[in-house]
N, C-alpha and C. Protein backbone atom coordinates (compact mmCIF):
# COMPACT_ATOMS: atom_id res chain seq x y z
N MET A 1 57.43 19.29 -32.23
CA MET A 1 56.95 19.02 -33.47
C MET A 1 57.22 20.18 -34.46
N LEU A 2 56.50 21.34 -34.38
CA LEU A 2 56.69 22.27 -34.68
C LEU A 2 58.24 22.82 -34.62
N TYR A 3 59.25 22.98 -33.73
CA TYR A 3 60.35 23.28 -33.79
C TYR A 3 61.39 22.53 -34.94
N CYS A 4 61.23 20.75 -34.30
CA CYS A 4 62.06 20.10 -35.32
C CYS A 4 61.68 20.13 -36.81
N SER A 5 59.91 20.55 -37.20
CA SER A 5 59.36 20.45 -38.61
C SER A 5 60.69 22.05 -38.95
N LYS A 6 60.55 23.27 -38.21
CA LYS A 6 61.19 23.95 -38.65
C LYS A 6 60.21 24.86 -39.97
N VAL A 7 58.53 24.62 -39.88
CA VAL A 7 57.88 25.12 -40.24
C VAL A 7 57.77 26.65 -40.00
N GLU A 8 57.12 27.94 -41.02
CA GLU A 8 57.15 29.10 -40.27
C GLU A 8 55.64 28.78 -40.14
N LEU A 9 55.92 29.85 -39.06
CA LEU A 9 54.41 29.87 -37.69
C LEU A 9 53.37 30.75 -38.43
N SER A 10 52.40 30.62 -39.41
CA SER A 10 51.33 31.46 -39.50
C SER A 10 49.90 31.45 -38.46
N VAL A 11 49.61 32.12 -38.73
CA VAL A 11 48.30 32.64 -37.79
C VAL A 11 47.22 31.34 -37.96
N MET A 12 47.10 30.74 -39.01
CA MET A 12 46.30 29.86 -39.28
C MET A 12 46.65 28.42 -38.88
N LEU A 13 48.04 28.08 -38.40
CA LEU A 13 48.57 27.15 -38.26
C LEU A 13 48.93 26.61 -36.92
N LEU A 14 48.81 27.97 -36.28
CA LEU A 14 48.53 28.23 -34.66
C LEU A 14 46.88 27.84 -34.24
N CYS A 15 46.07 28.50 -35.23
CA CYS A 15 45.27 28.22 -35.13
C CYS A 15 44.42 26.69 -34.54
N LYS A 16 45.04 26.04 -35.71
CA LYS A 16 45.01 24.74 -36.09
C LYS A 16 45.47 23.60 -35.06
N PHE A 17 46.38 24.02 -34.55
CA PHE A 17 47.16 23.30 -33.41
C PHE A 17 46.41 23.78 -32.05
N ALA A 18 45.87 24.57 -32.05
CA ALA A 18 45.10 25.40 -30.65
C ALA A 18 43.81 24.28 -30.95
N ILE A 19 42.99 24.29 -31.97
CA ILE A 19 42.04 23.33 -31.96
C ILE A 19 41.90 22.17 -31.49
N ILE A 20 43.20 21.61 -32.54
CA ILE A 20 43.43 19.91 -31.90
C ILE A 20 43.72 19.88 -30.83
N SER A 21 44.77 20.85 -30.02
CA SER A 21 44.96 20.69 -28.26
C SER A 21 44.14 20.66 -27.57
N VAL A 22 43.18 21.49 -27.91
CA VAL A 22 41.98 21.80 -26.98
C VAL A 22 40.53 20.78 -27.38
N LEU A 23 40.92 19.85 -28.65
CA LEU A 23 39.99 19.30 -28.73
C LEU A 23 40.36 18.05 -27.93
N VAL A 24 41.86 17.61 -28.14
CA VAL A 24 42.24 16.44 -27.77
C VAL A 24 42.09 16.35 -26.34
N VAL A 25 42.52 17.35 -25.22
CA VAL A 25 42.60 17.76 -24.02
C VAL A 25 40.88 17.35 -23.52
N CYS A 26 39.58 17.71 -24.59
CA CYS A 26 38.22 18.03 -23.80
C CYS A 26 38.04 16.28 -24.32
N PHE A 27 38.44 15.41 -24.96
CA PHE A 27 37.93 14.35 -25.19
C PHE A 27 38.50 13.59 -24.63
N PHE A 28 39.69 13.49 -24.39
CA PHE A 28 40.60 12.60 -23.18
C PHE A 28 40.62 12.45 -21.55
N MET A 29 40.41 13.82 -21.70
CA MET A 29 40.29 14.19 -19.93
C MET A 29 39.51 13.47 -19.33
N PRO A 30 39.17 12.90 -18.49
CA PRO A 30 37.98 12.46 -17.29
C PRO A 30 37.37 14.00 -16.69
N TYR A 31 35.90 13.66 -16.98
CA TYR A 31 35.51 14.40 -15.83
C TYR A 31 35.24 16.20 -16.41
N ILE A 32 35.88 15.92 -17.86
CA ILE A 32 35.64 17.77 -19.09
C ILE A 32 34.67 17.65 -19.80
N HIS A 33 33.56 18.42 -19.73
CA HIS A 33 32.58 18.90 -20.39
C HIS A 33 32.90 19.62 -21.56
N GLU A 34 31.49 19.11 -22.33
CA GLU A 34 32.03 20.13 -23.84
C GLU A 34 32.05 21.48 -23.65
N ARG A 35 31.72 22.16 -22.48
CA ARG A 35 31.47 23.80 -22.82
C ARG A 35 33.02 24.03 -22.57
N TYR A 36 34.18 23.41 -22.17
CA TYR A 36 35.60 23.49 -22.54
C TYR A 36 35.99 23.41 -23.81
N ALA A 37 35.29 23.01 -24.58
CA ALA A 37 35.59 23.23 -26.23
C ALA A 37 35.09 24.41 -26.48
N PHE A 38 34.47 25.54 -25.99
CA PHE A 38 34.11 25.78 -26.75
C PHE A 38 35.65 27.27 -27.47
N LEU A 39 36.35 27.05 -27.22
CA LEU A 39 37.46 27.82 -28.02
C LEU A 39 37.72 27.47 -28.84
N ALA A 40 37.90 26.20 -29.04
CA ALA A 40 38.16 25.39 -30.31
C ALA A 40 36.65 25.01 -31.64
N GLU A 41 35.67 25.05 -30.87
CA GLU A 41 35.04 25.24 -31.89
C GLU A 41 34.53 26.59 -32.55
N MET A 42 34.88 27.87 -31.51
CA MET A 42 34.91 29.53 -32.30
C MET A 42 35.99 29.47 -33.19
N LEU A 43 37.50 28.82 -32.78
CA LEU A 43 38.86 28.81 -33.81
C LEU A 43 38.65 27.94 -34.81
N LEU A 44 37.58 26.89 -34.84
CA LEU A 44 37.19 25.94 -36.29
C LEU A 44 36.26 26.69 -36.87
N LEU A 45 35.39 27.11 -36.48
CA LEU A 45 34.47 28.56 -37.41
C LEU A 45 35.51 29.65 -37.70
N ILE A 46 36.20 30.02 -37.51
CA ILE A 46 37.33 30.83 -38.13
C ILE A 46 38.11 30.60 -39.07
N VAL A 47 38.69 29.44 -39.00
CA VAL A 47 39.63 28.16 -39.91
C VAL A 47 38.60 27.69 -41.13
N MET A 48 37.24 27.57 -40.76
CA MET A 48 36.63 26.98 -41.79
C MET A 48 36.41 28.30 -42.86
N VAL A 49 35.96 29.50 -42.27
CA VAL A 49 35.90 30.59 -43.18
C VAL A 49 37.17 31.01 -44.02
N GLN A 50 38.40 30.58 -43.20
CA GLN A 50 39.56 30.71 -44.30
C GLN A 50 39.81 29.85 -45.24
N GLU A 51 39.33 28.20 -44.93
CA GLU A 51 39.49 27.39 -45.73
C GLU A 51 38.08 26.06 -45.41
N VAL A 52 37.60 26.15 -46.51
CA VAL A 52 36.15 25.65 -46.79
C VAL A 52 36.55 24.07 -46.36
N LYS A 53 37.30 23.69 -46.80
CA LYS A 53 37.45 21.78 -46.75
C LYS A 53 37.20 21.91 -45.35
N TYR A 54 37.00 23.02 -44.31
CA TYR A 54 36.93 22.58 -42.33
C TYR A 54 35.69 22.82 -41.98
N VAL A 55 34.58 22.79 -43.54
CA VAL A 55 33.46 22.45 -42.86
C VAL A 55 32.91 21.02 -42.41
N LYS A 56 33.36 20.30 -43.25
CA LYS A 56 32.96 19.04 -42.97
C LYS A 56 33.89 18.42 -41.24
N VAL A 57 34.41 19.50 -40.92
CA VAL A 57 34.77 19.02 -39.47
C VAL A 57 34.09 20.09 -38.52
N ALA A 58 33.88 21.24 -39.23
CA ALA A 58 33.49 22.24 -38.32
C ALA A 58 31.86 21.73 -37.75
N ILE A 59 30.94 21.64 -38.78
CA ILE A 59 29.28 20.89 -38.54
C ILE A 59 29.13 20.06 -37.82
N PRO A 60 30.16 18.80 -37.84
CA PRO A 60 29.63 17.78 -36.96
C PRO A 60 30.39 18.01 -35.52
N THR A 61 31.09 18.61 -35.65
CA THR A 61 31.85 19.51 -33.99
C THR A 61 30.61 20.06 -33.21
N LEU A 62 30.08 21.22 -34.24
CA LEU A 62 28.92 21.83 -33.24
C LEU A 62 27.84 21.45 -32.99
N LEU A 63 27.13 19.76 -34.02
CA LEU A 63 26.45 19.51 -33.91
C LEU A 63 26.25 18.50 -32.42
N CYS A 64 27.37 17.60 -32.55
CA CYS A 64 27.84 16.94 -31.50
C CYS A 64 27.46 17.65 -29.88
N THR A 65 28.19 19.09 -30.36
CA THR A 65 28.05 20.16 -28.73
C THR A 65 26.27 20.50 -28.96
N MET A 66 26.03 20.64 -29.88
CA MET A 66 24.75 21.10 -29.61
C MET A 66 23.82 19.82 -29.19
N LEU A 67 24.06 18.88 -29.88
CA LEU A 67 23.28 17.30 -29.22
C LEU A 67 23.34 17.15 -27.17
N ASN A 68 24.60 17.36 -27.25
CA ASN A 68 24.88 17.14 -25.44
C ASN A 68 24.28 18.44 -24.92
N TYR A 69 24.41 19.33 -25.34
CA TYR A 69 23.44 20.88 -24.53
C TYR A 69 22.31 20.55 -24.35
N CYS A 70 21.89 20.13 -25.81
CA CYS A 70 20.21 20.07 -25.53
C CYS A 70 19.48 18.56 -24.47
N THR A 71 20.67 17.87 -24.64
CA THR A 71 20.30 16.34 -23.80
C THR A 71 20.40 17.17 -22.46
N TYR A 72 21.15 17.35 -21.91
CA TYR A 72 21.52 18.14 -20.80
C TYR A 72 20.74 19.23 -20.48
N LEU A 73 20.24 20.26 -20.93
CA LEU A 73 19.48 21.37 -20.88
C LEU A 73 18.32 21.52 -20.59
N TYR A 74 17.76 20.40 -21.51
CA TYR A 74 16.13 20.22 -21.55
C TYR A 74 15.72 18.72 -21.14
N GLN A 75 16.99 18.17 -20.72
CA GLN A 75 16.39 16.47 -20.06
C GLN A 75 15.35 15.58 -20.35
N ILE A 76 15.75 16.00 -21.75
CA ILE A 76 14.92 15.01 -22.89
C ILE A 76 15.66 13.62 -23.57
N GLU A 77 16.70 13.09 -22.78
CA GLU A 77 17.67 12.34 -23.28
C GLU A 77 16.63 10.82 -23.80
N GLY A 78 16.63 10.96 -25.12
CA GLY A 78 16.29 9.51 -25.95
C GLY A 78 15.00 10.24 -26.32
N VAL A 79 14.36 11.49 -26.02
CA VAL A 79 13.01 11.77 -26.90
C VAL A 79 13.14 12.65 -28.12
N LEU A 80 14.44 13.65 -28.05
CA LEU A 80 14.71 14.00 -29.17
C LEU A 80 16.03 14.11 -29.93
N VAL A 81 16.64 13.07 -29.09
CA VAL A 81 18.04 12.93 -29.33
C VAL A 81 18.53 11.72 -29.38
N THR A 82 18.40 11.24 -30.83
CA THR A 82 18.36 9.52 -31.01
C THR A 82 19.79 9.18 -30.74
N VAL A 83 20.86 10.21 -30.86
CA VAL A 83 22.22 9.44 -31.35
C VAL A 83 22.66 8.98 -29.93
N PRO A 84 23.31 7.98 -29.69
CA PRO A 84 23.82 7.40 -28.49
C PRO A 84 24.92 8.69 -27.99
N GLU A 85 25.70 7.97 -26.67
CA GLU A 85 27.00 8.93 -26.29
C GLU A 85 27.92 8.83 -27.13
N TRP A 86 27.91 7.15 -27.31
CA TRP A 86 29.08 6.65 -28.08
C TRP A 86 29.40 6.95 -29.73
N GLY A 87 28.53 7.23 -30.03
CA GLY A 87 27.92 7.58 -31.30
C GLY A 87 28.77 8.95 -31.80
N ILE A 88 27.97 9.94 -30.40
CA ILE A 88 29.02 11.34 -30.39
C ILE A 88 30.48 11.18 -30.29
N ALA A 89 31.04 10.41 -29.56
CA ALA A 89 32.13 10.03 -29.60
C ALA A 89 33.05 9.57 -30.44
N LEU A 90 32.21 9.09 -31.48
CA LEU A 90 33.05 8.45 -32.03
C LEU A 90 32.80 9.46 -33.69
N VAL A 91 32.62 10.12 -33.59
CA VAL A 91 32.20 11.74 -34.67
C VAL A 91 33.44 12.40 -34.53
N ARG A 92 33.28 12.54 -32.60
CA ARG A 92 34.45 13.46 -32.02
C ARG A 92 35.77 13.25 -32.59
N LEU A 93 35.80 11.84 -32.23
CA LEU A 93 36.73 10.79 -32.55
C LEU A 93 37.75 11.36 -34.01
N GLY A 94 36.35 10.89 -34.71
CA GLY A 94 37.08 11.08 -35.99
C GLY A 94 37.37 12.60 -36.55
N CYS A 95 36.95 13.54 -36.00
CA CYS A 95 36.96 14.63 -36.34
C CYS A 95 38.35 15.61 -36.09
N ILE A 96 38.74 14.35 -35.04
CA ILE A 96 40.43 14.79 -34.29
C ILE A 96 41.36 14.28 -35.33
N ILE A 97 40.88 13.17 -35.49
CA ILE A 97 42.05 12.35 -36.40
C ILE A 97 41.89 13.00 -37.38
N TYR A 98 40.79 13.12 -38.37
CA TYR A 98 41.05 13.77 -39.34
C TYR A 98 41.95 15.38 -39.40
N LEU A 99 41.52 16.30 -38.22
CA LEU A 99 42.49 17.19 -38.01
C LEU A 99 43.87 17.08 -38.39
N ILE A 100 44.59 16.38 -36.97
CA ILE A 100 45.81 15.68 -36.94
C ILE A 100 46.38 15.35 -38.20
N TYR A 101 45.73 14.09 -38.86
CA TYR A 101 46.25 13.79 -40.14
C TYR A 101 46.05 14.93 -40.98
N ASP A 102 45.19 16.10 -41.30
CA ASP A 102 45.15 17.01 -42.75
C ASP A 102 46.73 17.63 -42.18
N LEU A 103 46.62 18.00 -40.96
CA LEU A 103 47.70 19.54 -40.50
C LEU A 103 49.18 18.33 -40.50
N MET A 104 49.29 17.35 -40.68
CA MET A 104 50.79 17.07 -40.80
C MET A 104 50.72 16.58 -42.19
N LYS A 105 49.82 16.12 -42.85
CA LYS A 105 49.96 16.47 -44.33
C LYS A 105 50.07 17.26 -45.22
N LYS A 106 49.76 18.42 -44.90
CA LYS A 106 49.50 19.56 -45.44
C LYS A 106 50.56 20.63 -44.79
N ASP A 107 50.38 20.97 -43.75
CA ASP A 107 51.03 22.07 -43.28
C ASP A 107 52.32 22.03 -42.67
N ILE A 108 52.52 20.80 -42.00
CA ILE A 108 53.84 20.16 -41.71
C ILE A 108 54.41 19.47 -42.71
N LYS A 109 55.79 20.07 -43.29
CA LYS A 109 56.51 19.04 -44.04
C LYS A 109 57.76 18.83 -43.41
N GLN A 110 58.14 17.46 -43.47
CA GLN A 110 59.38 16.83 -42.71
C GLN A 110 60.43 17.30 -43.86
N HIS A 111 61.90 18.04 -43.32
CA HIS A 111 63.03 18.39 -43.71
C HIS A 111 63.86 16.89 -43.60
């Protein structure tokens, strides 16, 4: 897609592609845990500092990870964590769709 669009590669564009790639793999591959999305979350924080509009993606993504970690680490499923797993999955999917849409709309212009 990058090659066909002949877009100039920048650090931010490569970070956005890395974020999308890691999040998609972690979302759709079976037996992949949230800890594998750490790279995407850290890159998302870097992109968020550069472009403030990514706050609406970074905060939900980090909250979903935090909820999953708390459930596992403290074994308190249902006590503090009231969001079901399918709700967390929908939020993550929404973030992935937003990132892909935003990247296609703004950064990659078809010639």
